[in-house]
């Protein structure tokens, strides 16, 4: 009976060791499947956010141009107070030092003009 129990223990330990080896390879394969799944979810989320980022950048550029026009409006007001007349062009504001060379163009490349005493 002791020999019989001993054989069962040997067989049981051998079956456990092969099961353990087999489960390690399954765990590695499962980890690879997890990585593929996670990467595909990340790609889908990235593709969904790209249009939102482009819309946000457009809004930021528009707000930046509006802020630039307000700076030009302030320069127009300063020019008017100094010379008692409204400037007719941006070059007048730049020549008197109210604006720098880079302040007559928005970030998107649109040139700012003076129309009816206001920056447009």
N, C-alpha and C. Protein backbone atom coordinates (compact mmCIF):
# COMPACT_ATOMS: atom_id res chain seq x y z
N UNK A 1 0.82 -1.18 0.00
CA UNK A 1 0.00 0.00 0.00
C UNK A 1 0.87 1.26 0.00
N UNK A 2 2.00 1.25 0.73
CA UNK A 2 2.90 2.38 0.75
C UNK A 2 3.46 2.65 -0.64
N UNK A 3 3.81 1.62 -1.37
CA UNK A 3 4.34 1.76 -2.73
C UNK A 3 3.25 2.32 -3.64
N UNK A 4 2.07 1.86 -3.46
CA UNK A 4 0.96 2.34 -4.26
C UNK A 4 0.72 3.83 -4.02
N UNK A 5 0.77 4.29 -2.77
CA UNK A 5 0.63 5.71 -2.46
C UNK A 5 1.78 6.50 -3.03
N UNK A 6 2.97 5.95 -2.97
CA UNK A 6 4.15 6.63 -3.50
C UNK A 6 4.02 6.85 -5.00
N UNK A 7 3.54 5.87 -5.72
CA UNK A 7 3.37 5.99 -7.17
C UNK A 7 2.33 7.05 -7.51
N UNK A 8 1.29 7.12 -6.75
CA UNK A 8 0.27 8.13 -7.00
C UNK A 8 0.83 9.54 -6.77
N UNK A 9 1.69 9.68 -5.77
CA UNK A 9 2.29 10.98 -5.50
C UNK A 9 3.22 11.38 -6.64
N UNK A 10 3.99 10.44 -7.14
CA UNK A 10 4.89 10.74 -8.26
C UNK A 10 4.10 11.13 -9.50
N UNK A 11 3.07 10.39 -9.77
CA UNK A 11 2.25 10.68 -10.95
C UNK A 11 1.56 12.04 -10.78
N UNK A 12 1.07 12.30 -9.59
CA UNK A 12 0.41 13.57 -9.32
C UNK A 12 1.38 14.73 -9.46
N UNK A 13 2.59 14.58 -8.94
CA UNK A 13 3.56 15.68 -9.05
C UNK A 13 3.98 15.87 -10.50
N UNK A 14 4.12 14.79 -11.27
CA UNK A 14 4.47 14.93 -12.68
C UNK A 14 3.35 15.61 -13.46
N UNK A 15 2.13 15.27 -13.17
CA UNK A 15 1.01 15.89 -13.88
C UNK A 15 0.89 17.36 -13.51
N UNK A 16 1.19 17.70 -12.26
CA UNK A 16 1.17 19.10 -11.87
C UNK A 16 2.27 19.89 -12.56
N UNK A 17 3.44 19.31 -12.69
CA UNK A 17 4.53 20.03 -13.33
C UNK A 17 4.24 20.24 -14.81
N UNK A 18 3.66 19.28 -15.50
CA UNK A 18 3.33 19.49 -16.91
C UNK A 18 2.19 20.48 -17.04
N UNK A 19 1.25 20.46 -16.11
CA UNK A 19 0.16 21.43 -16.15
C UNK A 19 0.70 22.83 -15.93
N UNK A 20 1.64 22.96 -15.00
CA UNK A 20 2.23 24.27 -14.73
C UNK A 20 2.98 24.77 -15.96
N UNK A 21 3.78 23.92 -16.60
CA UNK A 21 4.50 24.33 -17.81
C UNK A 21 3.53 24.72 -18.91
N UNK A 22 2.46 23.96 -19.04
CA UNK A 22 1.48 24.23 -20.09
C UNK A 22 0.74 25.53 -19.82
N UNK A 23 0.42 25.81 -18.56
CA UNK A 23 -0.31 27.04 -18.24
C UNK A 23 0.57 28.27 -18.43
N UNK A 24 1.89 28.15 -18.24
CA UNK A 24 2.78 29.28 -18.49
C UNK A 24 2.74 29.70 -19.95
N UNK A 25 2.73 28.74 -20.84
CA UNK A 25 2.67 29.10 -22.26
C UNK A 25 1.31 29.71 -22.60
N UNK A 26 0.25 29.23 -21.95
CA UNK A 26 -1.06 29.82 -22.17
C UNK A 26 -1.11 31.24 -21.62
N UNK A 27 -0.48 31.46 -20.47
CA UNK A 27 -0.46 32.80 -19.90
C UNK A 27 0.29 33.77 -20.81
N UNK A 28 1.38 33.32 -21.39
CA UNK A 28 2.15 34.18 -22.31
C UNK A 28 1.32 34.51 -23.54
N UNK A 29 0.61 33.52 -24.08
CA UNK A 29 -0.24 33.78 -25.24
C UNK A 29 -1.39 34.69 -24.86
N UNK A 30 -1.92 34.50 -23.71
CA UNK A 30 -3.02 35.37 -23.28
C UNK A 30 -2.53 36.80 -23.08
N UNK A 31 -1.33 36.98 -22.59
CA UNK A 31 -0.76 38.31 -22.43
C UNK A 31 -0.60 38.98 -23.78
N UNK A 32 -0.19 38.23 -24.78
CA UNK A 32 -0.06 38.79 -26.13
C UNK A 32 -1.43 39.21 -26.66
N UNK A 33 -2.43 38.41 -26.41
CA UNK A 33 -3.79 38.76 -26.85
C UNK A 33 -4.27 40.01 -26.12
N UNK A 34 -3.93 40.11 -24.85
CA UNK A 34 -4.30 41.32 -24.12
C UNK A 34 -3.64 42.55 -24.72
N UNK A 35 -2.38 42.44 -25.07
CA UNK A 35 -1.65 43.57 -25.66
C UNK A 35 -2.28 43.99 -26.99
N UNK A 36 -2.64 43.02 -27.81
CA UNK A 36 -3.28 43.33 -29.09
C UNK A 36 -4.60 44.03 -28.85
N UNK A 37 -5.36 43.55 -27.89
CA UNK A 37 -6.65 44.16 -27.58
C UNK A 37 -6.47 45.58 -27.05
N UNK A 38 -5.54 45.78 -26.15
CA UNK A 38 -5.31 47.11 -25.59
C UNK A 38 -4.82 48.07 -26.67
N UNK A 39 -3.91 47.62 -27.51
CA UNK A 39 -3.40 48.48 -28.59
C UNK A 39 -4.52 48.85 -29.57
N UNK A 40 -5.40 47.92 -29.87
CA UNK A 40 -6.50 48.25 -30.79
C UNK A 40 -7.46 49.25 -30.16
N UNK A 41 -7.70 49.14 -28.86
CA UNK A 41 -8.56 50.12 -28.18
C UNK A 41 -7.90 51.49 -28.20
N UNK A 42 -6.59 51.55 -27.95
CA UNK A 42 -5.87 52.82 -27.97
C UNK A 42 -5.94 53.45 -29.35
N UNK A 43 -5.77 52.66 -30.39
CA UNK A 43 -5.83 53.18 -31.76
C UNK A 43 -7.22 53.73 -32.07
N UNK A 44 -8.25 53.02 -31.66
CA UNK A 44 -9.62 53.49 -31.91
C UNK A 44 -9.88 54.80 -31.17
N UNK A 45 -9.45 54.89 -29.92
CA UNK A 45 -9.63 56.14 -29.16
C UNK A 45 -8.86 57.29 -29.80
N UNK A 46 -7.66 57.01 -30.27
CA UNK A 46 -6.86 58.03 -30.93
C UNK A 46 -7.55 58.52 -32.20
N UNK A 47 -8.08 57.59 -32.99
CA UNK A 47 -8.77 57.98 -34.23
C UNK A 47 -10.04 58.77 -33.95
N UNK A 48 -10.67 58.50 -32.82
CA UNK A 48 -11.88 59.26 -32.47
C UNK A 48 -11.56 60.67 -31.99
N UNK A 49 -10.37 60.88 -31.41
CA UNK A 49 -10.04 62.20 -30.87
C UNK A 49 -9.38 63.13 -31.88
N UNK A 50 -8.87 62.61 -33.00
CA UNK A 50 -8.19 63.47 -33.98
C UNK A 50 -9.11 64.57 -34.51
N UNK A 51 -10.34 64.28 -34.93
CA UNK A 51 -11.20 65.37 -35.41
C UNK A 51 -11.47 66.42 -34.32
N UNK A 52 -11.60 66.00 -33.08
CA UNK A 52 -11.83 66.93 -31.99
C UNK A 52 -10.62 67.84 -31.78
N UNK A 53 -9.43 67.30 -31.92
CA UNK A 53 -8.21 68.10 -31.78
C UNK A 53 -8.13 69.13 -32.90
N UNK A 54 -8.48 68.74 -34.13
CA UNK A 54 -8.45 69.68 -35.25
C UNK A 54 -9.46 70.80 -35.05
N UNK A 55 -10.63 70.48 -34.54
CA UNK A 55 -11.65 71.51 -34.27
C UNK A 55 -11.15 72.46 -33.19
N UNK A 56 -10.54 71.91 -32.17
CA UNK A 56 -10.01 72.74 -31.08
C UNK A 56 -8.92 73.68 -31.59
N UNK A 57 -8.05 73.19 -32.44
CA UNK A 57 -6.98 74.03 -32.99
C UNK A 57 -7.57 75.16 -33.84
N UNK A 58 -8.62 74.88 -34.58
CA UNK A 58 -9.28 75.92 -35.37
C UNK A 58 -9.86 77.00 -34.47
N UNK A 59 -10.49 76.59 -33.38
CA UNK A 59 -11.06 77.56 -32.44
C UNK A 59 -9.96 78.39 -31.80
N UNK A 60 -8.84 77.75 -31.45
CA UNK A 60 -7.72 78.47 -30.84
C UNK A 60 -7.16 79.51 -31.81
N UNK A 61 -7.02 79.14 -33.08
CA UNK A 61 -6.52 80.10 -34.07
C UNK A 61 -7.47 81.28 -34.25
N UNK A 62 -8.78 81.00 -34.26
CA UNK A 62 -9.76 82.08 -34.39
C UNK A 62 -9.70 83.02 -33.18
N UNK A 63 -9.61 82.45 -32.00
CA UNK A 63 -9.54 83.28 -30.79
C UNK A 63 -8.25 84.10 -30.77
N UNK A 64 -7.15 83.50 -31.24
CA UNK A 64 -5.89 84.22 -31.30
C UNK A 64 -5.96 85.39 -32.25
N UNK A 65 -6.62 85.22 -33.39
CA UNK A 65 -6.76 86.31 -34.35
C UNK A 65 -7.66 87.41 -33.78
N UNK A 66 -8.72 87.01 -33.08
CA UNK A 66 -9.59 88.02 -32.45
C UNK A 66 -8.81 88.83 -31.41
N UNK A 67 -7.96 88.16 -30.64
CA UNK A 67 -7.14 88.87 -29.65
C UNK A 67 -6.16 89.82 -30.34
N UNK A 68 -5.61 89.39 -31.46
CA UNK A 68 -4.68 90.24 -32.21
C UNK A 68 -5.39 91.48 -32.74
N UNK A 69 -6.64 91.31 -33.18
CA UNK A 69 -7.42 92.45 -33.66
C UNK A 69 -7.72 93.44 -32.53
N UNK A 70 -7.92 92.93 -31.32
CA UNK A 70 -8.14 93.81 -30.17
C UNK A 70 -6.89 94.63 -29.87
N UNK A 71 -5.73 94.02 -30.05
CA UNK A 71 -4.48 94.76 -29.85
C UNK A 71 -4.37 95.88 -30.88
N UNK A 72 -4.73 95.57 -32.12
CA UNK A 72 -4.69 96.59 -33.17
C UNK A 72 -5.71 97.68 -32.88
N UNK A 73 -6.90 97.31 -32.38
CA UNK A 73 -7.90 98.32 -32.01
C UNK A 73 -7.36 99.25 -30.91
N UNK A 74 -6.64 98.69 -29.95
CA UNK A 74 -6.05 99.51 -28.89
C UNK A 74 -5.00 100.45 -29.48
N UNK A 75 -4.22 99.96 -30.45
CA UNK A 75 -3.22 100.80 -31.10
C UNK A 75 -3.89 101.92 -31.91
N UNK A 76 -5.02 101.60 -32.53
CA UNK A 76 -5.78 102.62 -33.28
C UNK A 76 -6.24 103.72 -32.32
N UNK A 77 -6.73 103.33 -31.16
CA UNK A 77 -7.18 104.30 -30.16
C UNK A 77 -6.01 105.18 -29.69
N UNK A 78 -4.87 104.57 -29.43
CA UNK A 78 -3.70 105.34 -29.01
C UNK A 78 -3.26 106.32 -30.11
N UNK A 79 -3.27 105.87 -31.34
CA UNK A 79 -2.89 106.72 -32.47
C UNK A 79 -3.86 107.90 -32.58
N UNK A 80 -5.15 107.60 -32.43
CA UNK A 80 -6.17 108.65 -32.53
C UNK A 80 -6.00 109.69 -31.42
N UNK A 81 -5.70 109.23 -30.22
CA UNK A 81 -5.49 110.17 -29.11
C UNK A 81 -4.25 111.03 -29.33
N UNK A 82 -3.23 110.47 -29.92
CA UNK A 82 -1.99 111.21 -30.12
C UNK A 82 -2.08 112.19 -31.28
N UNK A 83 -2.72 111.77 -32.41
CA UNK A 83 -2.72 112.59 -33.63
C UNK A 83 -4.06 113.27 -33.93
N UNK A 84 -5.06 113.04 -33.13
CA UNK A 84 -6.40 113.58 -33.35
C UNK A 84 -6.98 113.22 -34.71
N UNK A 85 -6.61 112.07 -35.22
CA UNK A 85 -7.20 111.53 -36.45
C UNK A 85 -7.07 110.02 -36.42
N UNK A 86 -7.95 109.35 -37.14
CA UNK A 86 -7.94 107.89 -37.19
C UNK A 86 -6.95 107.43 -38.25
N UNK A 87 -6.14 106.42 -37.95
CA UNK A 87 -5.20 105.93 -38.98
C UNK A 87 -5.95 105.23 -40.10
N UNK A 88 -5.41 105.28 -41.29
CA UNK A 88 -6.06 104.64 -42.43
C UNK A 88 -5.41 103.31 -42.80
N UNK A 89 -4.22 103.06 -42.25
CA UNK A 89 -3.55 101.79 -42.56
C UNK A 89 -2.72 101.33 -41.37
N UNK A 90 -2.41 100.07 -41.37
CA UNK A 90 -1.59 99.47 -40.31
C UNK A 90 -0.18 100.06 -40.35
N UNK A 91 0.29 100.41 -41.53
CA UNK A 91 1.65 100.94 -41.64
C UNK A 91 1.83 102.23 -40.84
N UNK A 92 0.76 103.05 -40.72
CA UNK A 92 0.84 104.25 -39.90
C UNK A 92 1.07 103.88 -38.42
N UNK A 93 0.39 102.83 -37.96
CA UNK A 93 0.55 102.39 -36.58
C UNK A 93 1.96 101.82 -36.34
N UNK A 94 2.48 101.12 -37.34
CA UNK A 94 3.81 100.55 -37.20
C UNK A 94 4.89 101.62 -37.28
N UNK A 95 4.71 102.61 -38.12
CA UNK A 95 5.73 103.66 -38.24
C UNK A 95 5.80 104.54 -36.98
N UNK A 96 4.67 104.69 -36.28
CA UNK A 96 4.68 105.45 -35.03
C UNK A 96 5.05 104.59 -33.81
N UNK A 97 5.25 103.30 -34.01
CA UNK A 97 5.68 102.42 -32.93
C UNK A 97 4.55 101.86 -32.08
N UNK A 98 3.31 101.99 -32.53
CA UNK A 98 2.19 101.43 -31.78
C UNK A 98 2.07 99.93 -31.98
N UNK A 99 2.57 99.45 -33.12
CA UNK A 99 2.56 98.01 -33.43
C UNK A 99 3.94 97.60 -33.92
N UNK A 100 4.29 96.33 -33.68
CA UNK A 100 5.53 95.81 -34.24
C UNK A 100 5.25 95.21 -35.62
N UNK A 101 6.30 94.78 -36.28
CA UNK A 101 6.14 94.22 -37.63
C UNK A 101 5.31 92.94 -37.64
N UNK A 102 5.36 92.19 -36.57
CA UNK A 102 4.66 90.90 -36.52
C UNK A 102 3.21 91.02 -36.06
N UNK A 103 2.79 92.19 -35.62
CA UNK A 103 1.44 92.33 -35.07
C UNK A 103 0.39 92.68 -36.12
N UNK A 104 0.76 92.75 -37.37
CA UNK A 104 -0.23 93.07 -38.40
C UNK A 104 -0.76 91.83 -39.10
N UNK A 105 -0.30 90.64 -38.69
CA UNK A 105 -0.73 89.38 -39.31
C UNK A 105 -1.14 88.41 -38.21
N UNK A 106 -2.28 87.74 -38.43
CA UNK A 106 -2.73 86.72 -37.48
C UNK A 106 -1.86 85.46 -37.62
N UNK A 107 -2.00 84.56 -36.67
CA UNK A 107 -1.24 83.31 -36.70
C UNK A 107 -1.55 82.45 -37.91
N UNK A 108 -2.77 82.54 -38.42
CA UNK A 108 -3.13 81.75 -39.60
C UNK A 108 -2.71 82.41 -40.90
N UNK A 109 -2.03 83.55 -40.84
CA UNK A 109 -1.52 84.22 -42.03
C UNK A 109 -2.42 85.32 -42.56
N UNK A 110 -3.59 85.52 -41.97
CA UNK A 110 -4.51 86.56 -42.41
C UNK A 110 -3.97 87.93 -42.03
N UNK A 111 -3.95 88.83 -43.01
CA UNK A 111 -3.47 90.18 -42.74
C UNK A 111 -4.58 91.02 -42.13
N UNK A 112 -4.25 91.78 -41.10
CA UNK A 112 -5.23 92.63 -40.43
C UNK A 112 -5.24 93.99 -41.14
N UNK A 113 -6.46 94.45 -41.43
CA UNK A 113 -6.63 95.75 -42.10
C UNK A 113 -7.44 96.67 -41.20
N UNK A 114 -7.37 97.96 -41.51
CA UNK A 114 -8.20 98.94 -40.81
C UNK A 114 -9.34 99.34 -41.73
N UNK A 115 -10.57 99.09 -41.28
CA UNK A 115 -11.76 99.44 -42.05
C UNK A 115 -12.68 100.23 -41.12
N UNK A 116 -13.00 101.48 -41.53
CA UNK A 116 -13.86 102.35 -40.73
C UNK A 116 -13.35 102.51 -39.30
N UNK A 117 -12.05 102.64 -39.13
CA UNK A 117 -11.46 102.87 -37.83
C UNK A 117 -11.37 101.65 -36.94
N UNK A 118 -11.67 100.48 -37.45
CA UNK A 118 -11.65 99.24 -36.68
C UNK A 118 -10.77 98.20 -37.39
N UNK A 119 -10.14 97.37 -36.60
CA UNK A 119 -9.32 96.30 -37.17
C UNK A 119 -10.21 95.16 -37.67
N UNK A 120 -9.91 94.72 -38.87
CA UNK A 120 -10.64 93.58 -39.46
C UNK A 120 -9.68 92.64 -40.13
